[in-house]
Protein backbone atom coordinates (compact mmCIF):
# COMPACT_ATOMS: atom_id res chain seq x y z
CA MET A 1 11.79 20.49 5.63
CA LYS A 2 13.57 17.22 4.99
CA PHE A 3 16.99 16.55 3.43
CA SER A 4 20.20 14.56 3.75
CA ALA A 5 23.81 15.76 3.41
CA GLU A 6 27.31 14.29 3.43
CA ARG A 7 29.25 15.10 6.62
CA GLU A 8 32.41 16.44 4.91
CA SER A 9 30.69 18.95 2.61
CA LEU A 10 28.31 20.11 5.37
CA LEU A 11 31.16 20.46 7.87
CA ALA A 12 33.24 22.56 5.43
CA ALA A 13 30.25 24.85 4.80
CA LEU A 14 29.53 25.29 8.53
CA GLN A 15 33.18 26.04 9.33
CA SER A 16 33.33 28.74 6.66
CA VAL A 17 30.48 30.78 8.21
CA ILE A 18 30.66 30.02 11.95
CA GLY A 19 33.26 32.76 12.59
CA VAL A 20 30.63 35.50 12.88
CA VAL A 21 28.41 33.59 15.33
CA GLU A 22 29.24 35.11 18.73
CA ARG A 23 29.20 32.86 21.79
CA ARG A 24 27.37 35.47 23.87
CA GLN A 25 24.36 37.03 22.20
CA THR A 26 21.98 39.81 23.10
CA MET A 27 19.45 38.32 20.65
CA PRO A 28 18.95 34.51 20.78
CA ILE A 29 18.39 34.32 16.99
CA LEU A 30 21.98 35.53 16.37
CA ALA A 31 23.31 32.30 17.92
CA ASN A 32 21.46 30.45 15.15
CA LEU A 33 22.22 29.70 11.52
CA LEU A 34 19.56 30.16 8.84
CA LEU A 35 19.19 26.94 6.83
CA ALA A 36 17.31 27.18 3.51
CA ALA A 37 16.87 23.99 1.48
CA GLU A 38 15.92 24.56 -2.14
CA ASN A 39 16.56 22.83 -5.48
CA GLY A 40 19.14 20.36 -4.17
CA LYS A 41 21.16 23.00 -2.33
CA LEU A 42 21.32 24.06 1.29
CA ALA A 43 22.09 27.75 1.82
CA ILE A 44 23.58 28.50 5.26
CA THR A 45 23.58 32.08 6.59
CA ALA A 46 25.28 33.47 9.71
CA THR A 47 25.24 37.07 10.94
CA ASP A 48 26.14 39.27 13.92
CA LEU A 49 24.25 42.28 12.42
CA GLU A 50 27.57 43.76 11.24
CA VAL A 51 28.97 40.93 9.11
CA GLU A 52 26.93 38.35 7.19
CA LEU A 53 28.30 35.13 5.65
CA VAL A 54 26.35 32.92 3.25
CA THR A 55 27.49 29.63 1.74
CA SER A 56 25.81 26.61 0.12
CA THR A 57 26.36 22.88 -0.06
CA PRO A 58 24.72 20.13 -2.18
CA ILE A 59 22.02 18.02 -0.50
CA LYS A 60 19.43 15.39 -1.38
CA SER A 61 16.20 17.19 -0.68
CA GLY A 62 12.96 15.52 0.34
CA ALA A 63 11.04 18.71 1.17
CA ASP A 64 12.31 22.28 0.77
CA GLY A 65 11.98 24.77 3.61
CA ARG A 66 13.65 27.35 5.87
CA LEU A 67 14.44 27.37 9.59
CA THR A 68 17.15 28.45 12.04
CA VAL A 69 19.15 26.15 14.35
CA PRO A 70 21.83 26.75 17.03
CA GLY A 71 25.00 27.20 14.95
CA ARG A 72 27.75 25.97 17.26
CA LYS A 73 25.72 22.94 18.42
CA LEU A 74 25.14 21.85 14.80
CA LEU A 75 28.85 22.32 14.03
CA ASP A 76 29.86 20.29 17.11
CA ILE A 77 27.46 17.49 16.11
CA CYS A 78 28.97 17.42 12.60
CA ARG A 79 32.53 17.41 13.94
CA SER A 80 31.85 14.58 16.37
CA LEU A 81 30.34 12.18 13.82
CA PRO A 82 32.51 9.59 12.04
CA GLU A 83 34.01 10.45 8.63
CA ALA A 84 31.90 9.71 5.54
CA SER A 85 28.66 9.83 7.59
CA THR A 86 25.41 10.82 5.95
CA LEU A 87 23.23 13.15 8.04
CA ALA A 88 19.46 13.00 7.66
CA PHE A 89 17.55 16.14 8.72
CA SER A 90 13.79 16.27 9.31
CA GLN A 91 11.66 19.04 10.79
CA ASP A 92 8.80 18.34 13.18
CA GLY A 93 7.09 21.51 14.40
CA ASP A 94 9.70 23.67 16.13
CA LYS A 95 12.23 20.83 16.42
CA LEU A 96 14.85 19.58 13.94
CA THR A 97 15.94 15.94 14.17
CA VAL A 98 19.40 14.99 12.90
CA LYS A 99 20.16 11.28 12.39
CA ALA A 100 23.45 9.68 11.38
CA GLY A 101 24.02 5.95 11.76
CA LYS A 102 22.96 5.07 15.32
CA SER A 103 23.13 8.70 16.52
CA ARG A 104 20.08 10.93 16.87
CA PHE A 105 19.95 14.59 17.92
CA VAL A 106 16.94 16.87 18.38
CA LEU A 107 17.61 20.60 18.11
CA ALA A 108 15.32 23.51 18.99
CA THR A 109 14.59 25.90 16.11
CA LEU A 110 13.49 29.52 15.81
CA PRO A 111 11.35 30.92 12.95
CA ALA A 112 13.27 31.78 9.77
CA GLY A 113 11.21 34.97 9.43
CA ASP A 114 12.87 36.41 12.56
CA PHE A 115 16.40 35.99 11.16
CA PRO A 116 17.94 39.34 10.12
CA VAL A 117 19.29 39.25 6.55
CA ILE A 118 20.98 42.01 4.56
CA GLU A 119 18.97 43.04 1.53
CA GLU A 120 20.43 43.28 -1.97
CA LEU A 121 23.12 45.93 -2.38
CA ALA A 122 22.60 49.04 -4.48
CA GLN A 123 25.80 48.51 -6.43
CA GLN A 124 28.04 51.55 -6.84
CA HIS A 125 31.33 49.89 -7.67
CA LEU A 126 32.49 46.44 -8.82
CA LEU A 127 36.07 45.10 -8.61
CA THR A 128 37.47 41.71 -9.58
CA LEU A 129 40.97 40.76 -8.46
CA ALA A 130 43.06 37.81 -7.33
CA GLN A 131 42.37 36.60 -3.79
CA ALA A 132 46.12 36.59 -3.09
CA ASP A 133 46.35 40.30 -4.00
CA LEU A 134 43.52 41.37 -1.71
CA ARG A 135 44.85 39.16 1.07
CA ARG A 136 48.27 40.84 0.76
CA LEU A 137 46.69 44.30 1.08
CA LEU A 138 44.88 43.24 4.28
CA ASP A 139 47.84 41.32 5.75
CA LYS A 140 50.19 44.27 5.28
CA THR A 141 47.96 46.82 7.03
CA HIS A 142 45.41 45.21 9.40
CA PHE A 143 47.64 45.38 12.52
CA SER A 144 47.50 49.20 12.53
CA MET A 145 43.70 49.37 13.00
CA ALA A 146 42.53 50.83 16.30
CA GLN A 147 40.75 48.42 18.68
CA GLN A 148 38.16 50.42 20.61
CA ASP A 149 38.94 54.04 19.84
CA VAL A 150 36.30 56.69 20.53
CA ARG A 151 37.14 57.92 17.02
CA TYR A 152 35.03 55.07 15.63
CA TYR A 153 36.27 55.60 12.04
CA LEU A 154 39.73 54.39 13.16
CA ASN A 155 38.29 51.00 14.29
CA GLY A 156 38.43 49.76 10.72
CA MET A 157 40.35 49.93 7.46
CA LEU A 158 40.10 52.40 4.60
CA LEU A 159 39.61 50.70 1.23
CA GLU A 160 40.24 53.23 -1.50
CA THR A 161 40.43 53.19 -5.27
CA ASP A 162 41.37 56.13 -7.45
CA GLY A 163 40.61 54.29 -10.68
CA LYS A 164 44.17 53.04 -11.22
CA MET A 165 45.20 51.76 -7.77
CA LEU A 166 43.51 49.86 -4.95
CA ARG A 167 44.79 50.93 -1.54
CA THR A 168 44.28 49.85 2.08
CA VAL A 169 45.14 52.22 4.93
CA ALA A 170 44.89 51.62 8.69
CA THR A 171 45.87 53.86 11.59
CA ASP A 172 45.28 54.03 15.34
CA GLY A 173 46.59 57.58 15.67
CA HIS A 174 50.08 56.45 16.74
CA ARG A 175 51.13 54.59 13.61
CA LEU A 176 49.88 54.12 10.06
CA ALA A 177 50.14 51.31 7.50
CA LEU A 178 49.49 51.70 3.78
CA CYS A 179 49.62 49.11 1.01
CA GLU A 180 48.57 49.54 -2.62
CA MET A 181 48.44 47.67 -5.92
CA ASP A 182 47.67 48.43 -9.56
CA LEU A 183 44.14 47.55 -10.62
CA PRO A 184 43.78 45.18 -13.58
CA SER A 185 41.09 47.41 -15.10
CA LYS A 186 40.38 51.11 -14.72
CA GLY A 187 37.45 52.20 -12.55
CA GLY A 188 36.03 55.16 -10.67
CA ASN A 189 36.98 56.74 -7.34
CA GLN A 190 35.67 55.17 -4.14
CA GLN A 191 36.53 55.44 -0.43
CA VAL A 192 34.93 53.19 2.21
CA ILE A 193 35.81 52.15 5.79
CA VAL A 194 35.41 48.42 6.52
CA PRO A 195 34.96 47.66 10.26
CA ARG A 196 37.62 45.70 12.15
CA LYS A 197 35.56 42.51 12.45
CA GLY A 198 34.78 42.54 8.73
CA VAL A 199 38.49 42.92 7.87
CA LEU A 200 39.53 40.02 10.14
CA GLU A 201 36.76 37.76 8.80
CA LEU A 202 37.66 38.60 5.20
CA GLN A 203 41.31 37.79 5.95
CA ARG A 204 40.25 34.39 7.27
CA LEU A 205 38.22 33.60 4.15
CA LEU A 206 40.70 34.69 1.48
CA GLY A 207 42.97 32.05 0.03
CA THR A 208 45.92 32.15 -2.35
CA GLU A 209 44.11 30.76 -5.43
CA GLY A 210 41.23 32.07 -7.50
CA GLU A 211 39.52 35.43 -7.77
CA VAL A 212 37.38 37.53 -5.48
CA GLN A 213 34.60 39.78 -6.72
CA ILE A 214 34.01 42.86 -4.58
CA THR A 215 30.79 44.86 -4.74
CA ILE A 216 30.73 48.20 -2.94
CA GLY A 217 27.32 49.66 -2.07
CA SER A 218 26.33 52.80 -0.22
CA ASN A 219 26.23 51.11 3.23
CA HIS A 220 27.76 47.67 2.64
CA ILE A 221 30.66 45.88 0.99
CA ARG A 222 30.24 42.38 -0.43
CA ALA A 223 32.85 39.85 -1.54
CA GLN A 224 32.19 36.57 -3.36
CA ILE A 225 34.96 34.10 -2.47
CA GLY A 226 34.32 30.70 -4.04
CA ASP A 227 31.08 29.39 -2.49
CA VAL A 228 31.09 31.93 0.33
CA ARG A 229 29.42 35.33 0.09
CA PHE A 230 30.75 37.86 2.62
CA THR A 231 28.82 41.06 3.39
CA SER A 232 29.81 43.71 5.90
CA LYS A 233 28.35 47.02 6.98
CA LEU A 234 30.56 50.02 6.34
CA ILE A 235 31.59 52.56 8.98
CA ASP A 236 29.87 55.86 8.32
CA GLY A 237 32.63 58.36 8.97
CA ARG A 238 35.41 60.39 7.43
CA PHE A 239 38.85 58.77 7.45
CA PRO A 240 41.75 61.14 8.30
CA GLU A 241 43.72 62.68 5.44
CA TYR A 242 46.46 60.09 5.74
CA GLY A 243 48.62 61.63 2.98
CA ARG A 244 49.59 64.46 5.32
CA VAL A 245 51.06 62.01 7.85
CA ILE A 246 53.34 60.12 5.45
CA PRO A 247 56.79 61.77 5.18
CA SER A 248 57.28 62.25 1.42
CA ALA A 249 61.09 62.17 1.37
CA PRO A 250 62.80 61.90 4.78
CA PRO A 251 66.27 63.51 4.48
CA LYS A 252 68.10 60.75 6.39
CA ALA A 253 67.83 57.02 5.74
CA VAL A 254 68.98 54.03 7.80
CA VAL A 255 69.31 50.78 5.84
CA ALA A 256 69.63 47.66 7.99
CA ASP A 257 69.42 43.89 7.84
CA ARG A 258 65.74 43.39 8.71
CA GLU A 259 66.17 40.24 10.79
CA ALA A 260 69.20 41.55 12.69
CA LEU A 261 67.42 44.78 13.61
CA ARG A 262 64.25 42.92 14.54
CA SER A 263 66.12 40.55 16.86
CA ALA A 264 67.98 43.44 18.50
CA LEU A 265 64.73 45.33 19.08
CA GLN A 266 63.10 42.25 20.62
CA ARG A 267 66.01 41.77 23.04
CA THR A 268 66.14 45.44 24.04
CA ALA A 269 62.35 45.53 24.51
CA ILE A 270 62.62 43.00 27.37
CA LEU A 271 63.64 45.83 29.72
CA ALA A 272 61.45 48.57 28.22
CA ASN A 273 58.73 50.20 30.32
CA GLU A 274 55.86 47.68 30.19
CA LYS A 275 53.21 50.39 29.90
CA TYR A 276 54.73 52.75 27.34
CA ARG A 277 57.09 50.34 25.53
CA GLY A 278 59.47 53.20 24.66
CA ILE A 279 62.85 52.56 23.09
CA ARG A 280 65.51 55.10 22.07
CA LEU A 281 67.39 54.92 18.75
CA ALA A 282 70.73 56.77 18.77
CA LEU A 283 72.04 57.11 15.22
CA LYS A 284 75.72 57.58 14.39
CA LYS A 285 77.68 56.87 11.23
CA ASN A 286 76.89 53.27 10.20
CA THR A 287 75.65 52.38 13.72
CA VAL A 288 72.35 52.50 15.57
CA THR A 289 72.35 52.05 19.35
CA LEU A 290 69.08 50.80 20.86
CA GLN A 291 68.42 51.76 24.48
CA ALA A 292 65.60 50.89 26.86
CA HIS A 293 65.03 51.41 30.58
CA ASN A 294 62.17 50.93 33.03
CA PRO A 295 60.96 52.26 36.44
CA GLU A 296 62.97 49.52 38.21
CA GLN A 297 66.16 51.28 36.97
CA GLU A 298 66.96 48.36 34.66
CA GLU A 299 68.59 49.08 31.31
CA ALA A 300 69.25 47.36 27.98
CA GLU A 301 71.54 48.53 25.19
CA GLU A 302 72.35 46.98 21.85
CA GLN A 303 74.37 48.15 18.85
CA VAL A 304 73.47 47.23 15.29
CA GLU A 305 75.60 47.88 12.22
CA VAL A 306 73.62 49.77 9.57
CA ALA A 307 74.18 51.93 6.51
CA TYR A 308 73.77 55.53 7.73
CA LYS A 309 75.64 58.63 6.65
CA GLY A 310 73.60 61.44 8.25
CA GLU A 311 74.34 63.53 11.32
CA GLU A 312 74.03 62.08 14.84
CA LEU A 313 70.43 61.86 15.98
CA GLU A 314 68.34 60.46 18.86
CA VAL A 315 64.66 59.59 18.56
CA GLY A 316 62.24 57.49 20.64
CA PHE A 317 59.56 55.07 19.40
CA ASN A 318 57.11 52.48 20.72
CA VAL A 319 59.06 49.27 20.12
CA GLY A 320 55.90 47.23 19.45
CA TYR A 321 54.93 49.53 16.57
CA LEU A 322 58.43 49.27 15.06
CA LEU A 323 58.39 45.47 15.33
CA ASP A 324 54.96 45.24 13.65
CA ALA A 325 56.21 47.37 10.76
CA LEU A 326 59.42 45.34 10.38
CA ALA A 327 57.41 42.09 10.35
CA ALA A 328 55.29 43.42 7.47
CA VAL A 329 58.19 44.58 5.29
CA ASP A 330 59.14 42.19 2.45
CA GLY A 331 62.74 41.30 1.78
CA SER A 332 65.93 40.94 3.80
CA GLU A 333 66.64 44.67 4.19
CA VAL A 334 64.61 47.52 5.67
CA GLU A 335 64.92 51.26 5.19
CA ILE A 336 63.92 53.65 7.98
CA GLY A 337 63.60 57.26 6.88
CA VAL A 338 64.06 59.84 9.65
CA THR A 339 63.94 63.63 9.76
CA ASP A 340 64.75 64.68 13.35
CA GLY A 341 64.12 63.67 16.98
CA ASN A 342 60.52 64.99 16.94
CA SER A 343 59.28 63.60 13.62
CA SER A 344 57.74 60.31 12.61
CA CYS A 345 59.75 57.71 10.72
CA LEU A 346 58.93 55.97 7.43
CA VAL A 347 59.57 52.21 7.35
CA ARG A 348 59.66 50.28 4.07
CA ALA A 349 61.74 47.92 1.94
CA PRO A 350 64.55 49.91 0.24
CA GLY A 351 63.13 51.62 -2.85
CA ALA A 352 59.65 50.13 -2.37
CA THR A 353 56.55 52.31 -2.57
CA SER A 354 53.69 49.77 -2.52
CA ALA A 355 53.85 49.17 1.26
CA ARG A 356 54.78 51.96 3.69
CA TYR A 357 54.63 52.27 7.47
CA VAL A 358 54.70 55.42 9.58
CA VAL A 359 55.51 55.36 13.30
CA MET A 360 55.02 58.51 15.38
CA PRO A 361 57.85 59.50 17.76
CA MET A 362 57.75 59.24 21.57
CA ARG A 363 59.26 61.58 24.10
CA LEU A 364 61.52 59.53 26.37
């Protein structure tokens, strides 16, 4: 294997795939990148056995071949070299020599045959949409995914299409986020759960320009984003029936200035219980009073002017969950639909249905 590559194009390719290379590995080969030189292109593959990223960059090839090299070391070498450098790669046995100007590096390699790659997908569903649209769906819901829940199907995001709409749903059992959009073309019904790491990596890769092509298989999901091909395993599990959790039409609605309410919540939260983060909302005509206290007998109270015409009501929530929902709502105003002191609330932009957030109540 022998080839040369320009620093800038090689660096961009390495940076786009390095995200899935863990620093601590159980298998040494997973710290490596698979390099495959063929027909004037270098394909670079990274995997952690759950997510796989593949990209390619143009090269001048002297001899085609395949090998694996330590990923982060190669990236650091590329980063440290001067701009507009040309890197010359040559393989000698189980070593790869990289030369650029007066610099020379020798890297240890592992056999390409030992590198785990995901086979071709048995395609069940194909979607093409704007990168910005998919990114919005992920941005508006990802924060509600569970982190390390024993209910493993919550440690990811539901991606669902009913033929007309594409929907993302995430919940950790205490709150739920849903965002949906109309599909440009009609399709079939599909429901898959993408693991947390796959969602975060996909978010990182998606831009605001161009299209993304999504292929859904029986065990994997694949997205082609420009030169990068993203593949992730799917979580084999049954996602909760989220429709039951979303209040369809809460009888009472609070409409507030989003930024004013957010600031007031942040101030009141300073003295909330650090463990439970509980905050009480006391609703009266056109006023909401926020109250927090902690085991040190400290208290915070703040009044916010809102539009509210219902009966007086008190309900407790985790302030962090409310703040996350407010941050995700578009526009200058927010509507919080409430039923009673023991029911969850529905947070959204007034009149909006595409993005909705549910926060379960807390007993305070």
